[in-house]
C-alpha atoms as a PDB file:
ATOM      1  CA  MET A   1      -0.247  -0.037  -0.118  1.00  0.00           C
ATOM      2  CA  ALA A   2       1.396   3.433  -1.268  1.00  0.00           C
ATOM      3  CA  ALA A   3       1.975   5.934   1.691  1.00  0.00           C
ATOM      4  CA  SER A   4      -0.197   8.376  -0.371  1.00  0.00           C
ATOM      5  CA  ASP A   5      -3.091   6.037   0.921  1.00  0.00           C
ATOM      6  CA  PHE A   6      -2.895   7.243   4.550  1.00  0.00           C
ATOM      7  CA  PRO A   7      -4.468  10.300   5.470  1.00  0.00           C
ATOM      8  CA  VAL A   8      -2.143  12.852   6.942  1.00  0.00           C
ATOM      9  CA  TYR A   9      -3.139  15.122   9.944  1.00  0.00           C
ATOM     10  CA  ASP A  10      -2.004  18.888  10.264  1.00  0.00           C
ATOM     11  CA  PHE A  11       0.582  19.576  12.744  1.00  0.00           C
ATOM     12  CA  SER A  12       3.170  21.570  10.706  1.00  0.00           C
ATOM     13  CA  ALA A  13       2.074  24.533  11.965  1.00  0.00           C
ATOM     14  CA  TYR A  14       2.392  23.963  15.691  1.00  0.00           C
ATOM     15  CA  ASP A  15       5.456  25.215  17.108  1.00  0.00           C
ATOM     16  CA  VAL A  16       6.120  23.126  20.365  1.00  0.00           C
ATOM     17  CA  SER A  17       8.786  25.957  21.889  1.00  0.00           C
ATOM     18  CA  GLU A  18       5.400  27.575  22.631  1.00  0.00           C
ATOM     19  CA  ALA A  19       5.124  25.441  25.689  1.00  0.00           C
ATOM     20  CA  THR A  20       8.019  27.360  27.494  1.00  0.00           C
ATOM     21  CA  ARG A  21       6.100  30.711  27.061  1.00  0.00           C
ATOM     22  CA  SER A  22       3.502  29.699  28.530  1.00  0.00           C
ATOM     23  CA  PRO A  23       2.745  29.815  32.282  1.00  0.00           C
ATOM     24  CA  GLY A  24       3.812  26.946  34.443  1.00  0.00           C
ATOM     25  CA  GLY A  25       5.561  25.860  31.382  1.00  0.00           C
ATOM     26  CA  LEU A  26       7.267  22.430  33.115  1.00  0.00           C
ATOM     27  CA  ASP A  27       3.757  21.475  34.069  1.00  0.00           C
ATOM     28  CA  LEU A  28       2.056  22.196  30.956  1.00  0.00           C
ATOM     29  CA  ALA A  29       5.409  20.228  29.426  1.00  0.00           C
ATOM     30  CA  GLU A  30       4.299  17.112  31.804  1.00  0.00           C
ATOM     31  CA  ALA A  31       0.433  17.509  31.248  1.00  0.00           C
ATOM     32  CA  LEU A  32       1.354  17.496  27.326  1.00  0.00           C
ATOM     33  CA  THR A  33       3.660  14.352  27.699  1.00  0.00           C
ATOM     34  CA  ALA A  34       1.202  12.575  29.710  1.00  0.00           C
ATOM     35  CA  ALA A  35      -1.765  13.335  27.109  1.00  0.00           C
ATOM     36  CA  ALA A  36       0.250  12.495  24.154  1.00  0.00           C
ATOM     37  CA  ARG A  37       0.947   9.082  25.963  1.00  0.00           C
ATOM     38  CA  GLU A  38      -2.665   8.243  26.621  1.00  0.00           C
ATOM     39  CA  LEU A  39      -3.637   9.260  22.850  1.00  0.00           C
ATOM     40  CA  HIS A  40      -0.607   7.366  21.447  1.00  0.00           C
ATOM     41  CA  GLY A  41      -2.355   4.111  23.653  1.00  0.00           C
ATOM     42  CA  SER A  42      -5.865   3.984  21.782  1.00  0.00           C
ATOM     43  CA  PRO A  43      -6.255   1.085  19.701  1.00  0.00           C
ATOM     44  CA  THR A  44      -8.448   2.704  17.098  1.00  0.00           C
ATOM     45  CA  PRO A  45      -8.516   6.326  15.022  1.00  0.00           C
ATOM     46  CA  GLY A  46     -12.362   6.588  16.775  1.00  0.00           C
ATOM     47  CA  ALA A  47     -10.911   5.617  20.090  1.00  0.00           C
ATOM     48  CA  THR A  48      -7.953   8.417  19.558  1.00  0.00           C
ATOM     49  CA  LEU A  49     -10.749  10.979  18.732  1.00  0.00           C
ATOM     50  CA  ASP A  50     -12.860   9.566  21.882  1.00  0.00           C
ATOM     51  CA  THR A  51      -9.831  10.446  24.208  1.00  0.00           C
ATOM     52  CA  ALA A  52      -8.980  13.747  22.517  1.00  0.00           C
ATOM     53  CA  VAL A  53     -12.406  15.177  23.619  1.00  0.00           C
ATOM     54  CA  ARG A  54     -12.049  13.903  26.995  1.00  0.00           C
ATOM     55  CA  LEU A  55      -8.346  15.173  27.187  1.00  0.00           C
ATOM     56  CA  ALA A  56      -9.414  18.245  25.572  1.00  0.00           C
ATOM     57  CA  VAL A  57     -11.440  19.451  28.658  1.00  0.00           C
ATOM     58  CA  ARG A  58      -8.955  18.491  30.928  1.00  0.00           C
ATOM     59  CA  LEU A  59      -6.278  20.254  29.628  1.00  0.00           C
ATOM     60  CA  LEU A  60      -7.246  23.457  28.138  1.00  0.00           C
ATOM     61  CA  PRO A  61      -8.191  26.524  30.177  1.00  0.00           C
ATOM     62  CA  GLY A  62     -11.918  27.453  30.082  1.00  0.00           C
ATOM     63  CA  ALA A  63     -13.161  24.311  28.135  1.00  0.00           C
ATOM     64  CA  GLU A  64     -16.383  22.339  29.704  1.00  0.00           C
ATOM     65  CA  HIS A  65     -17.292  20.283  26.270  1.00  0.00           C
ATOM     66  CA  ALA A  66     -15.550  19.199  23.316  1.00  0.00           C
ATOM     67  CA  GLY A  67     -16.583  17.413  19.787  1.00  0.00           C
ATOM     68  CA  VAL A  68     -14.795  16.548  16.906  1.00  0.00           C
ATOM     69  CA  CYS A  69     -16.721  16.990  13.169  1.00  0.00           C
ATOM     70  CA  GLU A  70     -15.556  16.066   9.713  1.00  0.00           C
ATOM     71  CA  LEU A  71     -16.974  18.637   6.909  1.00  0.00           C
ATOM     72  CA  GLU A  72     -16.747  17.744   3.498  1.00  0.00           C
ATOM     73  CA  HIS A  73     -17.674  20.718   0.512  1.00  0.00           C
ATOM     74  CA  GLY A  74     -20.781  20.369  -0.264  1.00  0.00           C
ATOM     75  CA  GLU A  75     -21.952  17.433   2.319  1.00  0.00           C
ATOM     76  CA  ALA A  76     -23.299  17.291   5.708  1.00  0.00           C
ATOM     77  CA  ARG A  77     -21.194  17.564   8.197  1.00  0.00           C
ATOM     78  CA  ARG A  78     -20.607  14.313  10.549  1.00  0.00           C
ATOM     79  CA  ALA A  79     -19.674  14.005  14.173  1.00  0.00           C
ATOM     80  CA  LEU A  80     -17.022  11.951  14.897  1.00  0.00           C
ATOM     81  CA  ALA A  81     -16.546  12.307  18.640  1.00  0.00           C
ATOM     82  CA  TRP A  82     -18.196  14.317  21.944  1.00  0.00           C
ATOM     83  CA  THR A  83     -18.145  14.417  25.518  1.00  0.00           C
ATOM     84  CA  ASP A  84     -21.692  14.732  26.106  1.00  0.00           C
ATOM     85  CA  ASP A  85     -25.329  15.219  24.251  1.00  0.00           C
ATOM     86  CA  LEU A  86     -25.116  18.662  24.311  1.00  0.00           C
ATOM     87  CA  VAL A  87     -21.864  18.830  22.017  1.00  0.00           C
ATOM     88  CA  ARG A  88     -23.635  16.149  19.905  1.00  0.00           C
ATOM     89  CA  ASP A  89     -26.457  18.171  19.453  1.00  0.00           C
ATOM     90  CA  ALA A  90     -24.540  21.351  18.928  1.00  0.00           C
ATOM     91  CA  GLU A  91     -22.351  19.991  16.072  1.00  0.00           C
ATOM     92  CA  VAL A  92     -25.560  19.316  13.656  1.00  0.00           C
ATOM     93  CA  PRO A  93     -25.232  22.789  11.976  1.00  0.00           C
ATOM     94  CA  GLU A  94     -22.401  24.169  10.498  1.00  0.00           C
ATOM     95  CA  PRO A  95     -21.182  27.490  12.205  1.00  0.00           C
ATOM     96  CA  PRO A  96     -20.340  30.646  10.140  1.00  0.00           C
ATOM     97  CA  HIS A  97     -16.402  30.476  11.721  1.00  0.00           C
ATOM     98  CA  TRP A  98     -15.391  26.856  10.354  1.00  0.00           C
ATOM     99  CA  GLU A  99     -14.863  28.623   7.157  1.00  0.00           C
ATOM    100  CA  ARG A 100     -11.751  30.041   8.436  1.00  0.00           C
ATOM    101  CA  LEU A 101     -10.505  26.912   9.300  1.00  0.00           C
ATOM    102  CA  TRP A 102      -9.452  25.996   5.528  1.00  0.00           C
ATOM    103  CA  THR A 103      -7.008  28.350   6.261  1.00  0.00           C
ATOM    104  CA  SER A 104      -6.491  28.968   9.803  1.00  0.00           C
ATOM    105  CA  PRO A 105      -5.345  26.085  11.973  1.00  0.00           C
ATOM    106  CA  VAL A 106      -7.202  28.074  15.447  1.00  0.00           C
ATOM    107  CA  VAL A 107     -10.450  30.267  15.261  1.00  0.00           C
ATOM    108  CA  ARG A 108     -11.903  31.541  18.526  1.00  0.00           C
ATOM    109  CA  VAL A 109     -15.220  32.818  19.065  1.00  0.00           C
ATOM    110  CA  ALA A 110     -15.771  34.686  22.315  1.00  0.00           C
ATOM    111  CA  ASP A 111     -19.614  34.552  21.979  1.00  0.00           C
ATOM    112  CA  SER A 112     -21.237  32.666  19.460  1.00  0.00           C
ATOM    113  CA  GLY A 113     -24.802  33.932  21.560  1.00  0.00           C
ATOM    114  CA  GLY A 114     -27.545  31.198  21.685  1.00  0.00           C
ATOM    115  CA  ALA A 115     -30.844  30.031  20.224  1.00  0.00           C
ATOM    116  CA  ASP A 116     -32.477  28.483  23.365  1.00  0.00           C
ATOM    117  CA  GLY A 117     -32.316  31.424  25.439  1.00  0.00           C
ATOM    118  CA  GLU A 118     -32.483  29.176  28.733  1.00  0.00           C
ATOM    119  CA  GLY A 119     -28.718  29.763  29.388  1.00  0.00           C
ATOM    120  CA  GLN A 120     -27.981  25.807  27.956  1.00  0.00           C
ATOM    121  CA  GLU A 121     -26.536  27.048  24.897  1.00  0.00           C
ATOM    122  CA  LEU A 122     -22.586  26.889  24.109  1.00  0.00           C
ATOM    123  CA  ARG A 123     -21.183  30.305  24.227  1.00  0.00           C
ATOM    124  CA  SER A 124     -17.555  30.365  23.743  1.00  0.00           C
ATOM    125  CA  VAL A 125     -15.881  28.751  21.078  1.00  0.00           C
ATOM    126  CA  LEU A 126     -12.270  27.124  20.511  1.00  0.00           C
ATOM    127  CA  SER A 127     -11.969  25.088  16.943  1.00  0.00           C
ATOM    128  CA  MET A 128      -8.539  23.871  16.094  1.00  0.00           C
ATOM    129  CA  ARG A 129      -8.198  22.075  12.350  1.00  0.00           C
ATOM    130  CA  LEU A 130      -6.830  18.518  12.371  1.00  0.00           C
ATOM    131  CA  ARG A 131      -6.811  17.982   9.013  1.00  0.00           C
ATOM    132  CA  ALA A 132      -7.637  19.398   5.774  1.00  0.00           C
ATOM    133  CA  ASP A 133      -6.947  19.082   2.220  1.00  0.00           C
ATOM    134  CA  LYS A 134      -9.397  20.322  -0.961  1.00  0.00           C
ATOM    135  CA  ARG A 135     -12.327  18.627   0.084  1.00  0.00           C
ATOM    136  CA  ARG A 136     -12.430  17.567   3.839  1.00  0.00           C
ATOM    137  CA  LEU A 137     -11.731  19.291   6.967  1.00  0.00           C
ATOM    138  CA  THR A 138     -11.453  17.582  10.441  1.00  0.00           C
ATOM    139  CA  VAL A 139     -11.834  19.471  13.411  1.00  0.00           C
ATOM    140  CA  LEU A 140     -11.573  19.315  17.516  1.00  0.00           C
ATOM    141  CA  THR A 141     -13.744  22.102  19.088  1.00  0.00           C
ATOM    142  CA  ALA A 142     -13.608  23.263  22.864  1.00  0.00           C
ATOM    143  CA  TYR A 143     -16.767  24.664  23.978  1.00  0.00           C
ATOM    144  CA  SER A 144     -17.414  26.678  27.242  1.00  0.00           C
ATOM    145  CA  ARG A 145     -21.087  27.862  28.637  1.00  0.00           C
ATOM    146  CA  GLU A 146     -19.597  31.336  29.665  1.00  0.00           C
ATOM    147  CA  PRO A 147     -18.835  33.983  26.879  1.00  0.00           C
ATOM    148  CA  GLY A 148     -14.900  34.891  26.592  1.00  0.00           C
ATOM    149  CA  ALA A 149     -14.108  31.848  28.034  1.00  0.00           C
ATOM    150  CA  PHE A 150     -11.108  30.827  25.881  1.00  0.00           C
ATOM    151  CA  ASP A 151      -7.883  33.762  25.759  1.00  0.00           C
ATOM    152  CA  GLU A 152      -4.766  33.830  23.757  1.00  0.00           C
ATOM    153  CA  THR A 153      -3.043  31.092  26.513  1.00  0.00           C
ATOM    154  CA  ALA A 154      -5.911  28.604  25.538  1.00  0.00           C
ATOM    155  CA  ALA A 155      -5.144  29.118  21.870  1.00  0.00           C
ATOM    156  CA  ARG A 156      -1.799  28.382  22.193  1.00  0.00           C
ATOM    157  CA  LEU A 157      -2.329  25.498  24.299  1.00  0.00           C
ATOM    158  CA  GLY A 158      -5.001  24.399  21.924  1.00  0.00           C
ATOM    159  CA  ARG A 159      -2.334  23.878  19.338  1.00  0.00           C
ATOM    160  CA  LEU A 160       0.073  22.256  20.962  1.00  0.00           C
ATOM    161  CA  PHE A 161      -2.335  19.923  22.415  1.00  0.00           C
ATOM    162  CA  THR A 162      -3.849  19.349  18.559  1.00  0.00           C
ATOM    163  CA  ALA A 163       0.049  18.716  17.169  1.00  0.00           C
ATOM    164  CA  HIS A 164      -0.378  15.441  19.920  1.00  0.00           C
ATOM    165  CA  VAL A 165      -3.406  14.472  18.926  1.00  0.00           C
ATOM    166  CA  SER A 166      -2.743  14.615  14.743  1.00  0.00           C
ATOM    167  CA  LEU A 167       0.222  12.739  15.450  1.00  0.00           C
ATOM    168  CA  ALA A 168      -1.565   9.969  17.120  1.00  0.00           C
ATOM    169  CA  LEU A 169      -4.314  10.265  14.848  1.00  0.00           C
ATOM    170  CA  ASN A 170      -1.588   9.556  11.923  1.00  0.00           C
ATOM    171  CA  SER A 171      -0.112   6.566  13.846  1.00  0.00           C
ATOM    172  CA  VAL A 172      -2.308   4.709  14.969  1.00  0.00           C
ATOM    173  CA  THR A 173      -4.480   5.204  11.103  1.00  0.00           C
ATOM    174  CA  VAL A 174      -1.369   3.561   9.212  1.00  0.00           C
ATOM    175  CA  ARG A 175      -0.874   0.937  12.154  1.00  0.00           C
ATOM    176  CA  GLU A 176      -4.750   0.068  11.687  1.00  0.00           C
ATOM    177  CA  GLN A 177      -4.434   0.270   7.871  1.00  0.00           C
ATOM    178  CA  LEU A 178      -1.080  -2.015   7.657  1.00  0.00           C
ATOM    179  CA  THR A 179      -2.541  -4.535  10.059  1.00  0.00           C
ATOM    180  CA  GLU A 180      -5.648  -4.747   7.417  1.00  0.00           C
ATOM    181  CA  ALA A 181      -3.044  -4.821   4.245  1.00  0.00           C
ATOM    182  CA  MET A 182      -1.316  -7.992   6.496  1.00  0.00           C
ATOM    183  CA  HIS A 183      -4.903  -9.519   6.887  1.00  0.00           C
ATOM    184  CA  THR A 184      -5.994  -9.032   3.091  1.00  0.00           C
ATOM    185  CA  ARG A 185      -2.653 -10.681   2.366  1.00  0.00           C
ATOM    186  CA  ASP A 186      -2.818 -13.356   4.271  1.00  0.00           C
ATOM    187  CA  LEU A 187      -6.445 -14.389   3.094  1.00  0.00           C
ATOM    188  CA  ILE A 188      -5.245 -13.994  -0.120  1.00  0.00           C
ATOM    189  CA  GLY A 189      -2.680 -16.235   0.378  1.00  0.00           C
ATOM    190  CA  GLN A 190      -4.983 -19.254   1.774  1.00  0.00           C
ATOM    191  CA  ALA A 191      -7.509 -18.845  -1.048  1.00  0.00           C
ATOM    192  CA  THR A 192      -4.759 -19.242  -3.506  1.00  0.00           C
ATOM    193  CA  GLY A 193      -3.603 -22.206  -1.417  1.00  0.00           C
ATOM    194  CA  ILE A 194      -7.290 -23.766  -1.464  1.00  0.00           C
ATOM    195  CA  LEU A 195      -7.444 -23.350  -5.118  1.00  0.00           C
ATOM    196  CA  MET A 196      -3.699 -24.723  -5.591  1.00  0.00           C
ATOM    197  CA  GLU A 197      -4.952 -27.893  -4.016  1.00  0.00           C
ATOM    198  CA  ARG A 198      -8.281 -28.035  -5.104  1.00  0.00           C
ATOM    199  CA  LEU A 199      -7.620 -27.551  -8.621  1.00  0.00           C
ATOM    200  CA  GLU A 200      -4.076 -29.032  -8.691  1.00  0.00           C
ATOM    201  CA  ILE A 201      -2.396 -25.770 -10.778  1.00  0.00           C
ATOM    202  CA  ASP A 202       0.160 -24.017  -9.284  1.00  0.00           C
ATOM    203  CA  ALA A 203       0.155 -20.458  -7.053  1.00  0.00           C
ATOM    204  CA  GLN A 204       0.551 -18.022  -9.800  1.00  0.00           C
ATOM    205  CA  ALA A 205      -2.239 -19.961 -11.772  1.00  0.00           C
ATOM    206  CA  ALA A 206      -4.378 -19.801  -9.043  1.00  0.00           C
ATOM    207  CA  PHE A 207      -3.925 -16.192  -7.885  1.00  0.00           C
ATOM    208  CA  ASP A 208      -4.669 -15.442 -11.904  1.00  0.00           C
ATOM    209  CA  SER A 209      -7.863 -17.240 -11.350  1.00  0.00           C
ATOM    210  CA  LEU A 210      -8.664 -15.930  -8.253  1.00  0.00           C
ATOM    211  CA  VAL A 211      -8.292 -12.235  -9.724  1.00  0.00           C
ATOM    212  CA  ARG A 212     -10.286 -13.204 -12.887  1.00  0.00           C
ATOM    213  CA  ALA A 213     -12.863 -14.697 -11.173  1.00  0.00           C
ATOM    214  CA  SER A 214     -13.180 -11.021  -8.571  1.00  0.00           C
ATOM    215  CA  GLN A 215     -13.304  -9.492 -11.916  1.00  0.00           C
ATOM    216  CA  ARG A 216     -15.885 -11.304 -13.404  1.00  0.00           C
ATOM    217  CA  GLU A 217     -18.188 -10.950 -10.753  1.00  0.00           C
ATOM    218  CA  ASN A 218     -17.039  -7.355  -9.610  1.00  0.00           C
ATOM    219  CA  VAL A 219     -16.102  -8.440  -6.131  1.00  0.00           C
ATOM    220  CA  LYS A 220     -13.183  -7.334  -4.199  1.00  0.00           C
ATOM    221  CA  LEU A 221     -10.351  -9.708  -4.299  1.00  0.00           C
ATOM    222  CA  ARG A 222     -10.436  -9.532  -0.113  1.00  0.00           C
ATOM    223  CA  ASP A 223     -13.541 -10.270  -0.173  1.00  0.00           C
ATOM    224  CA  LEU A 224     -13.511 -13.348  -2.636  1.00  0.00           C
ATOM    225  CA  ALA A 225     -10.756 -14.392  -1.020  1.00  0.00           C
ATOM    226  CA  ARG A 226     -12.671 -14.231   2.491  1.00  0.00           C
ATOM    227  CA  ARG A 227     -15.882 -16.453   0.849  1.00  0.00           C
ATOM    228  CA  ILE A 228     -13.045 -18.845  -0.301  1.00  0.00           C
ATOM    229  CA  VAL A 229     -11.352 -19.588   2.963  1.00  0.00           C
ATOM    230  CA  GLY A 230     -14.967 -19.342   4.837  1.00  0.00           C
ATOM    231  CA  ALA A 231     -16.281 -21.839   2.745  1.00  0.00           C
ATOM    232  CA  THR A 232     -13.673 -24.263   3.426  1.00  0.00           C
ATOM    233  CA  GLU A 233     -13.696 -23.936   6.807  1.00  0.00           C
ATOM    234  CA  ASN A 234     -17.188 -24.224   7.100  1.00  0.00           C
END
């Protein structure tokens, strides 16, 4: 599988040296190290995002809730992770400031207003870009019910934290895809062996037969191999 097949998350804009200019630099460095360790310990991309939103509330000053969403040009937004139902529901409409995240890594909204009028709306917003390409945007957003909850320190820390999230997502995504590629290779190898024995042909002929059947039936080679192996096991 080519390296270009793997999604690449955006961390190039972040300057880790900013941690030394933040209040309590040593404590911050230790907190980010612990967060990075927890993020890299997550077994799947989904679990990594779940960990990220939980850590965002713990690490970012003023954060009470957090969520991750993905947006494609011309498509509806998709919530990927959230700390609670309040965030999940808030992630449905597309906020105007998201458009700025195509070009800016961090966007702060001091007071987004609110439509429910009962004090439960998410007023302050700190959105941080995880990934952006020509058609897709992935964003981690921290929220507070208090207006003006996120200052410049929170924005700087958010950029540092998002860099760690991006690195962890890159790592777990590549690992998951490599694992799937190895599993696919093993399945095809088993199916080839079954055809060699059943048809009394060599490995190349068996593989060619598998490819032709895949094309004829318009079925992915992996799925056809899984079907052959499953039928033999049954």
